[in-house]
């Protein structure tokens, strides 16, 4: 595996996807404003308005739509800044730093320390999740407040080398800034969702209170419908881009894990074990953090387009191009 080339490709694809999201949001704001701008130009052509009025309409509507997205995104961003420790505890994790008791727990702490040195990262806080499936995650805003969570199943069912591969993968998310990127993407998508909610609230408000001018009601209904439509389209596309970015960062993390451990077959073996043992996390809010996991942690109820992780076979093939397609493990594993 040429892990440096894999890293370069994943970073390049991520940049393209983020640029697509930025361009799409700008286009969405512009398209939402167009009907009102056209109305201003019609007034200008008919002599009842000025050209300045048309451009002012564009500025006002674009500012309102953009403001709703920004405010909605900032509120979610502020909520997610708590990351790390909060995420681990919501998933039922137990902190192991300084209190590891069993041999498996001590082995996990040793592996995390080894991978921290290999990746040149700060030693994070480690949490053990009660699930018997195989999974892990990294959460936080910056390396200094990062947390790595590992399921009980991963600790007991993976060999030391396989566990090193999984932990190295999570350190890639810390080292490459994926935690912050994921938080920013979630905030942007939430802002687009708030845009649609705002349209719904506007429509609902029209049917409350006293009498209103019929033309104002029609204008309000049109504006509300436009906001709902923009929010729906934006949220749909935003989730597609978020899923695409998440998949690329998983490829990047796999490539970085091979770089840190110099043992591609250990990571391949861990991925094969997941195919047999599963990776579902049972916590009530597991779905909220699905893009943080080593592998899909929730039931696959969405289409492949919205999958936050690549298929296991695709990940294995990227690491080992000569893989024969079998998920069977060698006898010594």
C-alpha atoms as a PDB file:
ATOM      1  CA  UNK A   1       0.000   0.000   0.000  1.00  0.00           C
ATOM      2  CA  UNK A   2       1.347   3.426  -0.996  1.00  0.00           C
ATOM      3  CA  UNK A   3      -0.019   5.173   2.098  1.00  0.00           C
ATOM      4  CA  UNK A   4       1.381   8.594   1.171  1.00  0.00           C
ATOM      5  CA  UNK A   5      -0.456   8.517  -2.191  1.00  0.00           C
ATOM      6  CA  UNK A   6      -3.652   7.319  -0.466  1.00  0.00           C
ATOM      7  CA  UNK A   7      -3.393  10.221   1.996  1.00  0.00           C
ATOM      8  CA  UNK A   8      -2.862  12.718  -0.823  1.00  0.00           C
ATOM      9  CA  UNK A   9      -5.905  11.447  -2.730  1.00  0.00           C
ATOM     10  CA  UNK A  10      -8.148  11.502   0.357  1.00  0.00           C
ATOM     11  CA  UNK A  11      -7.120  15.074   1.265  1.00  0.00           C
ATOM     12  CA  UNK A  12      -7.647  16.213  -2.335  1.00  0.00           C
ATOM     13  CA  UNK A  13     -11.122  14.673  -2.487  1.00  0.00           C
ATOM     14  CA  UNK A  14     -12.013  16.246   0.868  1.00  0.00           C
ATOM     15  CA  UNK A  15     -11.000  19.689  -0.409  1.00  0.00           C
ATOM     16  CA  UNK A  16     -13.160  19.265  -3.519  1.00  0.00           C
ATOM     17  CA  UNK A  17     -16.187  18.196  -1.476  1.00  0.00           C
ATOM     18  CA  UNK A  18     -15.866  21.107   0.956  1.00  0.00           C
ATOM     19  CA  UNK A  19     -15.521  23.552  -1.945  1.00  0.00           C
ATOM     20  CA  UNK A  20     -18.661  22.011  -3.450  1.00  0.00           C
ATOM     21  CA  UNK A  21     -20.540  22.620  -0.198  1.00  0.00           C
ATOM     22  CA  UNK A  22     -19.413  26.277  -0.028  1.00  0.00           C
ATOM     23  CA  UNK A  23     -20.405  26.900  -3.667  1.00  0.00           C
ATOM     24  CA  UNK A  24     -23.738  25.131  -3.135  1.00  0.00           C
ATOM     25  CA  UNK A  25     -24.606  27.264  -0.097  1.00  0.00           C
ATOM     26  CA  UNK A  26     -23.810  30.467  -2.017  1.00  0.00           C
ATOM     27  CA  UNK A  27     -25.938  29.252  -4.940  1.00  0.00           C
ATOM     28  CA  UNK A  28     -28.744  28.293  -2.552  1.00  0.00           C
ATOM     29  CA  UNK A  29     -28.776  31.784  -1.032  1.00  0.00           C
ATOM     30  CA  UNK A  30     -28.760  33.303  -4.516  1.00  0.00           C
ATOM     31  CA  UNK A  31     -31.605  31.114  -5.799  1.00  0.00           C
ATOM     32  CA  UNK A  32     -33.697  31.866  -2.710  1.00  0.00           C
ATOM     33  CA  UNK A  33     -33.239  35.591  -3.347  1.00  0.00           C
ATOM     34  CA  UNK A  34     -33.940  35.533  -7.109  1.00  0.00           C
ATOM     35  CA  UNK A  35     -37.778  35.689  -7.025  1.00  0.00           C
ATOM     36  CA  UNK A  36     -37.663  38.837  -4.903  1.00  0.00           C
ATOM     37  CA  UNK A  37     -34.938  40.362  -7.078  1.00  0.00           C
ATOM     38  CA  UNK A  38     -36.964  39.681 -10.246  1.00  0.00           C
ATOM     39  CA  UNK A  39     -39.902  41.412  -8.604  1.00  0.00           C
ATOM     40  CA  UNK A  40     -37.682  44.436  -7.972  1.00  0.00           C
ATOM     41  CA  UNK A  41     -36.509  44.480 -11.600  1.00  0.00           C
ATOM     42  CA  UNK A  42     -40.114  44.277 -12.810  1.00  0.00           C
ATOM     43  CA  UNK A  43     -40.930  47.339 -10.718  1.00  0.00           C
ATOM     44  CA  UNK A  44     -37.882  49.086 -12.183  1.00  0.00           C
ATOM     45  CA  UNK A  45     -38.882  48.260 -15.775  1.00  0.00           C
ATOM     46  CA  UNK A  46     -42.462  49.365 -15.163  1.00  0.00           C
ATOM     47  CA  UNK A  47     -41.247  52.662 -13.697  1.00  0.00           C
ATOM     48  CA  UNK A  48     -42.592  52.027 -10.169  1.00  0.00           C
ATOM     49  CA  UNK A  49     -39.193  51.298  -8.637  1.00  0.00           C
ATOM     50  CA  UNK A  50     -35.496  51.969  -9.011  1.00  0.00           C
ATOM     51  CA  UNK A  51     -32.575  49.740  -9.889  1.00  0.00           C
ATOM     52  CA  UNK A  52     -31.199  50.395  -6.425  1.00  0.00           C
ATOM     53  CA  UNK A  53     -34.376  48.869  -4.941  1.00  0.00           C
ATOM     54  CA  UNK A  54     -33.760  45.644  -6.876  1.00  0.00           C
ATOM     55  CA  UNK A  55     -30.201  45.332  -5.592  1.00  0.00           C
ATOM     56  CA  UNK A  56     -31.288  46.238  -2.073  1.00  0.00           C
ATOM     57  CA  UNK A  57     -33.846  43.415  -2.261  1.00  0.00           C
ATOM     58  CA  UNK A  58     -31.043  41.026  -3.196  1.00  0.00           C
ATOM     59  CA  UNK A  59     -28.902  42.218  -0.296  1.00  0.00           C
ATOM     60  CA  UNK A  60     -31.706  42.052   2.271  1.00  0.00           C
ATOM     61  CA  UNK A  61     -32.994  38.595   1.290  1.00  0.00           C
ATOM     62  CA  UNK A  62     -29.484  37.139   0.915  1.00  0.00           C
ATOM     63  CA  UNK A  63     -28.554  38.569   4.331  1.00  0.00           C
ATOM     64  CA  UNK A  64     -31.651  37.104   5.976  1.00  0.00           C
ATOM     65  CA  UNK A  65     -31.191  33.644   4.430  1.00  0.00           C
ATOM     66  CA  UNK A  66     -27.446  33.625   5.099  1.00  0.00           C
ATOM     67  CA  UNK A  67     -28.023  34.913   8.633  1.00  0.00           C
ATOM     68  CA  UNK A  68     -30.444  32.080   9.435  1.00  0.00           C
ATOM     69  CA  UNK A  69     -27.915  29.496   8.215  1.00  0.00           C
ATOM     70  CA  UNK A  70     -25.049  31.111  10.154  1.00  0.00           C
ATOM     71  CA  UNK A  71     -27.001  31.500  13.405  1.00  0.00           C
ATOM     72  CA  UNK A  72     -28.346  27.936  13.225  1.00  0.00           C
ATOM     73  CA  UNK A  73     -24.858  26.634  12.505  1.00  0.00           C
ATOM     74  CA  UNK A  74     -23.226  28.631  15.305  1.00  0.00           C
ATOM     75  CA  UNK A  75     -25.740  27.365  17.863  1.00  0.00           C
ATOM     76  CA  UNK A  76     -24.977  23.759  16.924  1.00  0.00           C
ATOM     77  CA  UNK A  77     -21.250  24.511  16.804  1.00  0.00           C
ATOM     78  CA  UNK A  78     -21.384  25.859  20.349  1.00  0.00           C
ATOM     79  CA  UNK A  79     -23.233  22.738  21.504  1.00  0.00           C
ATOM     80  CA  UNK A  80     -20.665  20.432  19.894  1.00  0.00           C
ATOM     81  CA  UNK A  81     -17.661  22.292  21.315  1.00  0.00           C
ATOM     82  CA  UNK A  82     -18.192  20.239  24.467  1.00  0.00           C
ATOM     83  CA  UNK A  83     -17.134  17.144  22.385  1.00  0.00           C
ATOM     84  CA  UNK A  84     -14.602  14.621  23.644  1.00  0.00           C
ATOM     85  CA  UNK A  85     -15.473  13.713  27.203  1.00  0.00           C
ATOM     86  CA  UNK A  86     -19.159  14.591  26.734  1.00  0.00           C
ATOM     87  CA  UNK A  87     -19.492  12.343  23.672  1.00  0.00           C
ATOM     88  CA  UNK A  88     -17.764   9.430  25.434  1.00  0.00           C
ATOM     89  CA  UNK A  89     -20.008   9.713  28.489  1.00  0.00           C
ATOM     90  CA  UNK A  90     -23.166   9.943  26.369  1.00  0.00           C
ATOM     91  CA  UNK A  91     -22.124   6.673  24.743  1.00  0.00           C
ATOM     92  CA  UNK A  92     -21.774   5.026  28.158  1.00  0.00           C
ATOM     93  CA  UNK A  93     -17.972   5.204  28.313  1.00  0.00           C
ATOM     94  CA  UNK A  94     -15.858   4.771  31.439  1.00  0.00           C
ATOM     95  CA  UNK A  95     -12.580   6.683  31.811  1.00  0.00           C
ATOM     96  CA  UNK A  96      -9.506   4.442  32.089  1.00  0.00           C
ATOM     97  CA  UNK A  97      -6.750   7.030  32.635  1.00  0.00           C
ATOM     98  CA  UNK A  98      -5.120   6.158  35.949  1.00  0.00           C
ATOM     99  CA  UNK A  99      -7.736   3.527  36.835  1.00  0.00           C
ATOM    100  CA  UNK A 100      -7.108   0.674  34.351  1.00  0.00           C
ATOM    101  CA  UNK A 101      -7.533  -2.561  36.314  1.00  0.00           C
ATOM    102  CA  UNK A 102      -7.668  -5.644  34.096  1.00  0.00           C
ATOM    103  CA  UNK A 103      -4.865  -6.866  31.839  1.00  0.00           C
ATOM    104  CA  UNK A 104      -6.956  -5.986  28.760  1.00  0.00           C
ATOM    105  CA  UNK A 105      -7.478  -2.430  30.011  1.00  0.00           C
ATOM    106  CA  UNK A 106      -3.770  -2.020  30.777  1.00  0.00           C
ATOM    107  CA  UNK A 107      -2.897  -3.385  27.330  1.00  0.00           C
ATOM    108  CA  UNK A 108      -5.262  -0.837  25.749  1.00  0.00           C
ATOM    109  CA  UNK A 109      -3.621   2.034  27.651  1.00  0.00           C
ATOM    110  CA  UNK A 110      -0.165   0.814  26.576  1.00  0.00           C
ATOM    111  CA  UNK A 111      -1.254   0.632  22.922  1.00  0.00           C
ATOM    112  CA  UNK A 112      -2.742   4.148  23.049  1.00  0.00           C
ATOM    113  CA  UNK A 113       0.495   5.464  24.557  1.00  0.00           C
ATOM    114  CA  UNK A 114       2.547   3.730  21.851  1.00  0.00           C
ATOM    115  CA  UNK A 115       0.410   5.177  19.052  1.00  0.00           C
ATOM    116  CA  UNK A 116       0.545   8.647  20.629  1.00  0.00           C
ATOM    117  CA  UNK A 117       4.338   8.469  20.371  1.00  0.00           C
ATOM    118  CA  UNK A 118       4.218   7.031  16.822  1.00  0.00           C
ATOM    119  CA  UNK A 119       1.889   9.792  15.593  1.00  0.00           C
ATOM    120  CA  UNK A 120       3.559  12.590  17.558  1.00  0.00           C
ATOM    121  CA  UNK A 121       0.306  13.399  19.360  1.00  0.00           C
ATOM    122  CA  UNK A 122      -0.586  14.219  22.951  1.00  0.00           C
ATOM    123  CA  UNK A 123      -1.741  11.261  25.042  1.00  0.00           C
ATOM    124  CA  UNK A 124      -5.572  11.516  25.015  1.00  0.00           C
ATOM    125  CA  UNK A 125      -8.104  10.515  27.631  1.00  0.00           C
ATOM    126  CA  UNK A 126      -9.249   6.927  26.993  1.00  0.00           C
ATOM    127  CA  UNK A 127     -12.794   5.662  27.555  1.00  0.00           C
ATOM    128  CA  UNK A 128     -14.021   2.064  27.500  1.00  0.00           C
ATOM    129  CA  UNK A 129     -17.510   1.521  26.054  1.00  0.00           C
ATOM    130  CA  UNK A 130     -19.540  -1.495  27.317  1.00  0.00           C
ATOM    131  CA  UNK A 131     -20.508  -2.814  23.850  1.00  0.00           C
ATOM    132  CA  UNK A 132     -19.232  -6.291  22.944  1.00  0.00           C
ATOM    133  CA  UNK A 133     -18.933  -5.357  19.257  1.00  0.00           C
ATOM    134  CA  UNK A 134     -15.730  -3.992  17.682  1.00  0.00           C
ATOM    135  CA  UNK A 135     -15.585  -0.213  17.295  1.00  0.00           C
ATOM    136  CA  UNK A 136     -13.759   2.923  18.409  1.00  0.00           C
ATOM    137  CA  UNK A 137     -13.932   6.688  17.964  1.00  0.00           C
ATOM    138  CA  UNK A 138     -12.001   9.913  18.462  1.00  0.00           C
ATOM    139  CA  UNK A 139     -13.772  13.059  19.647  1.00  0.00           C
ATOM    140  CA  UNK A 140     -12.787  16.536  20.736  1.00  0.00           C
ATOM    141  CA  UNK A 141     -11.893  19.891  19.260  1.00  0.00           C
ATOM    142  CA  UNK A 142      -8.119  19.851  19.391  1.00  0.00           C
ATOM    143  CA  UNK A 143      -5.415  17.322  20.329  1.00  0.00           C
ATOM    144  CA  UNK A 144      -5.162  18.728  23.855  1.00  0.00           C
ATOM    145  CA  UNK A 145      -8.782  17.840  24.709  1.00  0.00           C
ATOM    146  CA  UNK A 146      -9.133  14.753  22.489  1.00  0.00           C
ATOM    147  CA  UNK A 147     -10.744  11.557  23.701  1.00  0.00           C
ATOM    148  CA  UNK A 148     -10.436   8.054  22.276  1.00  0.00           C
ATOM    149  CA  UNK A 149     -13.226   5.613  23.017  1.00  0.00           C
ATOM    150  CA  UNK A 150     -12.925   1.859  22.457  1.00  0.00           C
ATOM    151  CA  UNK A 151     -15.590  -0.825  22.848  1.00  0.00           C
ATOM    152  CA  UNK A 152     -15.126  -3.751  25.206  1.00  0.00           C
ATOM    153  CA  UNK A 153     -15.437  -6.073  22.218  1.00  0.00           C
ATOM    154  CA  UNK A 154     -12.481  -4.437  20.488  1.00  0.00           C
ATOM    155  CA  UNK A 155     -10.341  -4.780  23.615  1.00  0.00           C
ATOM    156  CA  UNK A 156     -11.151  -8.459  24.199  1.00  0.00           C
ATOM    157  CA  UNK A 157     -11.447  -9.752  20.614  1.00  0.00           C
ATOM    158  CA  UNK A 158      -8.574  -7.978  18.841  1.00  0.00           C
ATOM    159  CA  UNK A 159      -4.955  -9.000  19.083  1.00  0.00           C
ATOM    160  CA  UNK A 160      -2.421  -6.402  20.206  1.00  0.00           C
ATOM    161  CA  UNK A 161      -1.403  -5.750  16.562  1.00  0.00           C
ATOM    162  CA  UNK A 162      -5.020  -5.392  15.417  1.00  0.00           C
ATOM    163  CA  UNK A 163      -5.762  -3.058  18.313  1.00  0.00           C
ATOM    164  CA  UNK A 164      -2.723  -0.985  17.329  1.00  0.00           C
ATOM    165  CA  UNK A 165      -4.173  -0.620  13.818  1.00  0.00           C
ATOM    166  CA  UNK A 166      -7.556   0.537  15.138  1.00  0.00           C
ATOM    167  CA  UNK A 167      -6.040   2.984  17.634  1.00  0.00           C
ATOM    168  CA  UNK A 168      -3.626   4.315  14.979  1.00  0.00           C
ATOM    169  CA  UNK A 169      -6.666   4.946  12.762  1.00  0.00           C
ATOM    170  CA  UNK A 170      -8.242   7.038  15.529  1.00  0.00           C
ATOM    171  CA  UNK A 171      -5.016   8.966  16.081  1.00  0.00           C
ATOM    172  CA  UNK A 172      -5.145   9.915  12.407  1.00  0.00           C
ATOM    173  CA  UNK A 173      -8.481  11.639  13.055  1.00  0.00           C
ATOM    174  CA  UNK A 174      -6.794  13.611  15.834  1.00  0.00           C
ATOM    175  CA  UNK A 175      -3.564  14.298  13.921  1.00  0.00           C
ATOM    176  CA  UNK A 176      -5.289  15.371  10.670  1.00  0.00           C
ATOM    177  CA  UNK A 177      -7.891  17.630  12.315  1.00  0.00           C
ATOM    178  CA  UNK A 178     -10.858  15.433  11.349  1.00  0.00           C
ATOM    179  CA  UNK A 179     -12.586  16.009  14.700  1.00  0.00           C
ATOM    180  CA  UNK A 180     -12.845  19.765  14.125  1.00  0.00           C
ATOM    181  CA  UNK A 181     -13.793  19.263  10.468  1.00  0.00           C
ATOM    182  CA  UNK A 182     -16.590  16.864  11.418  1.00  0.00           C
ATOM    183  CA  UNK A 183     -17.929  19.357  13.956  1.00  0.00           C
ATOM    184  CA  UNK A 184     -17.909  22.160  11.392  1.00  0.00           C
ATOM    185  CA  UNK A 185     -19.743  20.030   8.814  1.00  0.00           C
ATOM    186  CA  UNK A 186     -22.407  19.000  11.321  1.00  0.00           C
ATOM    187  CA  UNK A 187     -22.910  22.666  12.251  1.00  0.00           C
ATOM    188  CA  UNK A 188     -23.291  23.742   8.596  1.00  0.00           C
ATOM    189  CA  UNK A 189     -25.815  20.982   7.870  1.00  0.00           C
ATOM    190  CA  UNK A 190     -27.751  21.954  11.001  1.00  0.00           C
ATOM    191  CA  UNK A 191     -27.806  25.579   9.818  1.00  0.00           C
ATOM    192  CA  UNK A 192     -29.396  24.437   6.544  1.00  0.00           C
ATOM    193  CA  UNK A 193     -31.936  22.430   8.520  1.00  0.00           C
ATOM    194  CA  UNK A 194     -32.802  25.512  10.578  1.00  0.00           C
ATOM    195  CA  UNK A 195     -33.435  27.367   7.307  1.00  0.00           C
ATOM    196  CA  UNK A 196     -36.210  24.900   6.462  1.00  0.00           C
ATOM    197  CA  UNK A 197     -37.602  25.046  10.002  1.00  0.00           C
ATOM    198  CA  UNK A 198     -37.739  28.849   9.742  1.00  0.00           C
ATOM    199  CA  UNK A 199     -39.858  28.544   6.604  1.00  0.00           C
ATOM    200  CA  UNK A 200     -42.254  26.231   8.401  1.00  0.00           C
ATOM    201  CA  UNK A 201     -42.546  28.625  11.339  1.00  0.00           C
ATOM    202  CA  UNK A 202     -43.226  31.518   8.946  1.00  0.00           C
ATOM    203  CA  UNK A 203     -46.064  29.612   7.282  1.00  0.00           C
ATOM    204  CA  UNK A 204     -47.521  28.601  10.648  1.00  0.00           C
ATOM    205  CA  UNK A 205     -47.458  32.211  11.874  1.00  0.00           C
ATOM    206  CA  UNK A 206     -49.626  33.330   8.957  1.00  0.00           C
ATOM    207  CA  UNK A 207     -52.562  31.332  10.282  1.00  0.00           C
ATOM    208  CA  UNK A 208     -52.409  32.857  13.744  1.00  0.00           C
ATOM    209  CA  UNK A 209     -53.613  36.239  14.960  1.00  0.00           C
ATOM    210  CA  UNK A 210     -56.092  38.670  13.375  1.00  0.00           C
ATOM    211  CA  UNK A 211     -56.965  39.501   9.803  1.00  0.00           C
ATOM    212  CA  UNK A 212     -54.204  40.219   7.327  1.00  0.00           C
ATOM    213  CA  UNK A 213     -54.036  41.569   3.820  1.00  0.00           C
ATOM    214  CA  UNK A 214     -54.517  38.709   1.358  1.00  0.00           C
ATOM    215  CA  UNK A 215     -51.538  39.778  -0.744  1.00  0.00           C
ATOM    216  CA  UNK A 216     -49.288  39.750   2.330  1.00  0.00           C
ATOM    217  CA  UNK A 217     -50.487  36.250   3.207  1.00  0.00           C
ATOM    218  CA  UNK A 218     -49.661  35.047  -0.311  1.00  0.00           C
ATOM    219  CA  UNK A 219     -46.232  36.676  -0.119  1.00  0.00           C
ATOM    220  CA  UNK A 220     -45.604  35.081   3.276  1.00  0.00           C
ATOM    221  CA  UNK A 221     -46.710  31.664   2.040  1.00  0.00           C
ATOM    222  CA  UNK A 222     -44.446  31.974  -0.978  1.00  0.00           C
ATOM    223  CA  UNK A 223     -41.488  33.046   1.164  1.00  0.00           C
ATOM    224  CA  UNK A 224     -42.129  30.277   3.694  1.00  0.00           C
ATOM    225  CA  UNK A 225     -42.429  27.629   0.993  1.00  0.00           C
ATOM    226  CA  UNK A 226     -39.231  28.901  -0.617  1.00  0.00           C
ATOM    227  CA  UNK A 227     -37.361  28.686   2.685  1.00  0.00           C
ATOM    228  CA  UNK A 228     -38.694  25.168   3.328  1.00  0.00           C
ATOM    229  CA  UNK A 229     -37.661  24.056  -0.143  1.00  0.00           C
ATOM    230  CA  UNK A 230     -34.229  25.673   0.184  1.00  0.00           C
ATOM    231  CA  UNK A 231     -33.748  24.099   3.611  1.00  0.00           C
ATOM    232  CA  UNK A 232     -34.760  20.652   2.345  1.00  0.00           C
ATOM    233  CA  UNK A 233     -32.513  20.790  -0.727  1.00  0.00           C
ATOM    234  CA  UNK A 234     -29.626  22.295   1.245  1.00  0.00           C
ATOM    235  CA  UNK A 235     -29.938  19.764   4.059  1.00  0.00           C
ATOM    236  CA  UNK A 236     -30.137  16.875   1.585  1.00  0.00           C
ATOM    237  CA  UNK A 237     -27.069  18.012  -0.347  1.00  0.00           C
ATOM    238  CA  UNK A 238     -25.254  18.956   2.855  1.00  0.00           C
ATOM    239  CA  UNK A 239     -25.712  15.456   4.258  1.00  0.00           C
ATOM    240  CA  UNK A 240     -24.494  13.966   0.998  1.00  0.00           C
ATOM    241  CA  UNK A 241     -21.330  16.080   1.161  1.00  0.00           C
ATOM    242  CA  UNK A 242     -20.856  15.356   4.876  1.00  0.00           C
ATOM    243  CA  UNK A 243     -21.100  11.614   4.207  1.00  0.00           C
ATOM    244  CA  UNK A 244     -18.689  11.951   1.271  1.00  0.00           C
ATOM    245  CA  UNK A 245     -16.164  13.869   3.365  1.00  0.00           C
ATOM    246  CA  UNK A 246     -16.492  11.336   6.190  1.00  0.00           C
ATOM    247  CA  UNK A 247     -15.773   8.445   3.818  1.00  0.00           C
ATOM    248  CA  UNK A 248     -12.687  10.196   2.448  1.00  0.00           C
ATOM    249  CA  UNK A 249     -11.395  10.875   5.969  1.00  0.00           C
ATOM    250  CA  UNK A 250     -11.859   7.178   6.754  1.00  0.00           C
ATOM    251  CA  UNK A 251      -9.639   6.322   3.788  1.00  0.00           C
ATOM    252  CA  UNK A 252      -7.130   8.910   5.022  1.00  0.00           C
ATOM    253  CA  UNK A 253      -7.215   7.457   8.548  1.00  0.00           C
ATOM    254  CA  UNK A 254      -6.672   3.912   7.242  1.00  0.00           C
ATOM    255  CA  UNK A 255      -3.665   5.089   5.209  1.00  0.00           C
ATOM    256  CA  UNK A 256      -2.268   6.988   8.200  1.00  0.00           C
ATOM    257  CA  UNK A 257      -2.757   3.946  10.456  1.00  0.00           C
ATOM    258  CA  UNK A 258      -0.587   1.913   8.076  1.00  0.00           C
ATOM    259  CA  UNK A 259       2.006   4.712   8.168  1.00  0.00           C
ATOM    260  CA  UNK A 260       2.039   4.774  11.996  1.00  0.00           C
ATOM    261  CA  UNK A 261       2.141   0.987  12.500  1.00  0.00           C
ATOM    262  CA  UNK A 262       3.886  -0.162   9.281  1.00  0.00           C
ATOM    263  CA  UNK A 263       1.633  -3.212   9.563  1.00  0.00           C
ATOM    264  CA  UNK A 264      -1.179  -3.121   6.967  1.00  0.00           C
ATOM    265  CA  UNK A 265      -2.280  -6.720   7.604  1.00  0.00           C
ATOM    266  CA  UNK A 266      -3.102  -5.948  11.238  1.00  0.00           C
ATOM    267  CA  UNK A 267      -5.644  -3.327  10.149  1.00  0.00           C
ATOM    268  CA  UNK A 268      -6.979  -5.659   7.442  1.00  0.00           C
ATOM    269  CA  UNK A 269      -7.430  -8.384  10.056  1.00  0.00           C
ATOM    270  CA  UNK A 270      -9.334  -6.002  12.370  1.00  0.00           C
ATOM    271  CA  UNK A 271     -11.678  -5.023   9.525  1.00  0.00           C
ATOM    272  CA  UNK A 272     -12.294  -8.698   8.742  1.00  0.00           C
ATOM    273  CA  UNK A 273     -13.186  -9.394  12.370  1.00  0.00           C
ATOM    274  CA  UNK A 274     -15.707  -6.544  12.272  1.00  0.00           C
ATOM    275  CA  UNK A 275     -17.461  -8.264   9.348  1.00  0.00           C
ATOM    276  CA  UNK A 276     -18.047 -11.255  11.626  1.00  0.00           C
ATOM    277  CA  UNK A 277     -18.546  -9.604  15.019  1.00  0.00           C
ATOM    278  CA  UNK A 278     -20.300  -6.364  13.998  1.00  0.00           C
ATOM    279  CA  UNK A 279     -19.643  -2.802  15.091  1.00  0.00           C
ATOM    280  CA  UNK A 280     -23.028  -1.592  16.389  1.00  0.00           C
ATOM    281  CA  UNK A 281     -22.982   0.729  19.408  1.00  0.00           C
ATOM    282  CA  UNK A 282     -26.090   0.357  21.542  1.00  0.00           C
ATOM    283  CA  UNK A 283     -26.194   3.768  23.283  1.00  0.00           C
ATOM    284  CA  UNK A 284     -29.428   5.714  22.752  1.00  0.00           C
ATOM    285  CA  UNK A 285     -27.610   8.601  21.045  1.00  0.00           C
ATOM    286  CA  UNK A 286     -25.214   6.468  18.994  1.00  0.00           C
ATOM    287  CA  UNK A 287     -26.690   7.673  15.693  1.00  0.00           C
ATOM    288  CA  UNK A 288     -25.888  11.294  16.506  1.00  0.00           C
ATOM    289  CA  UNK A 289     -22.157  10.532  16.394  1.00  0.00           C
ATOM    290  CA  UNK A 290     -22.172   7.958  13.575  1.00  0.00           C
ATOM    291  CA  UNK A 291     -19.519   9.805  11.543  1.00  0.00           C
ATOM    292  CA  UNK A 292     -16.996   9.570  14.408  1.00  0.00           C
ATOM    293  CA  UNK A 293     -16.720   5.777  14.589  1.00  0.00           C
ATOM    294  CA  UNK A 294     -14.038   3.431  13.273  1.00  0.00           C
ATOM    295  CA  UNK A 295     -16.830   1.631  11.419  1.00  0.00           C
ATOM    296  CA  UNK A 296     -20.583   2.115  11.075  1.00  0.00           C
ATOM    297  CA  UNK A 297     -21.978   2.059  14.601  1.00  0.00           C
ATOM    298  CA  UNK A 298     -25.687   2.167  13.821  1.00  0.00           C
ATOM    299  CA  UNK A 299     -28.096   0.045  11.783  1.00  0.00           C
ATOM    300  CA  UNK A 300     -27.884   0.812   8.062  1.00  0.00           C
ATOM    301  CA  UNK A 301     -31.300   2.394   7.569  1.00  0.00           C
ATOM    302  CA  UNK A 302     -30.079   4.971   5.058  1.00  0.00           C
ATOM    303  CA  UNK A 303     -29.122   4.499   1.466  1.00  0.00           C
ATOM    304  CA  UNK A 304     -25.528   3.946   0.450  1.00  0.00           C
ATOM    305  CA  UNK A 305     -25.327   7.599  -0.633  1.00  0.00           C
ATOM    306  CA  UNK A 306     -25.624   8.749   2.992  1.00  0.00           C
ATOM    307  CA  UNK A 307     -23.266   6.113   4.449  1.00  0.00           C
ATOM    308  CA  UNK A 308     -20.627   7.780   6.627  1.00  0.00           C
ATOM    309  CA  UNK A 309     -18.183   4.881   6.166  1.00  0.00           C
ATOM    310  CA  UNK A 310     -16.978   3.046   3.063  1.00  0.00           C
ATOM    311  CA  UNK A 311     -17.883  -0.614   2.684  1.00  0.00           C
ATOM    312  CA  UNK A 312     -15.482  -2.918   4.546  1.00  0.00           C
ATOM    313  CA  UNK A 313     -14.453  -4.654   1.321  1.00  0.00           C
ATOM    314  CA  UNK A 314     -13.523  -1.303  -0.255  1.00  0.00           C
ATOM    315  CA  UNK A 315     -11.395  -0.345   2.750  1.00  0.00           C
ATOM    316  CA  UNK A 316      -9.618  -3.696   2.762  1.00  0.00           C
ATOM    317  CA  UNK A 317      -8.963  -3.531  -0.982  1.00  0.00           C
ATOM    318  CA  UNK A 318      -7.391  -0.089  -0.612  1.00  0.00           C
ATOM    319  CA  UNK A 319      -5.019  -1.390   2.044  1.00  0.00           C
ATOM    320  CA  UNK A 320      -4.321  -4.701   0.324  1.00  0.00           C
ATOM    321  CA  UNK A 321      -4.873  -4.575  -3.465  1.00  0.00           C
ATOM    322  CA  UNK A 322      -4.058  -8.317  -3.678  1.00  0.00           C
ATOM    323  CA  UNK A 323      -6.830  -9.301  -1.242  1.00  0.00           C
ATOM    324  CA  UNK A 324      -8.701 -12.388  -2.507  1.00  0.00           C
ATOM    325  CA  UNK A 325     -12.120 -11.158  -1.308  1.00  0.00           C
ATOM    326  CA  UNK A 326     -12.411 -13.640   1.564  1.00  0.00           C
ATOM    327  CA  UNK A 327     -13.191 -12.468   5.091  1.00  0.00           C
ATOM    328  CA  UNK A 328     -11.762 -15.660   6.607  1.00  0.00           C
ATOM    329  CA  UNK A 329      -8.828 -15.119   8.974  1.00  0.00           C
ATOM    330  CA  UNK A 330      -5.579 -17.099   8.999  1.00  0.00           C
ATOM    331  CA  UNK A 331      -5.479 -19.849  11.620  1.00  0.00           C
ATOM    332  CA  UNK A 332      -2.955 -17.950  13.784  1.00  0.00           C
ATOM    333  CA  UNK A 333      -5.414 -15.052  14.194  1.00  0.00           C
END
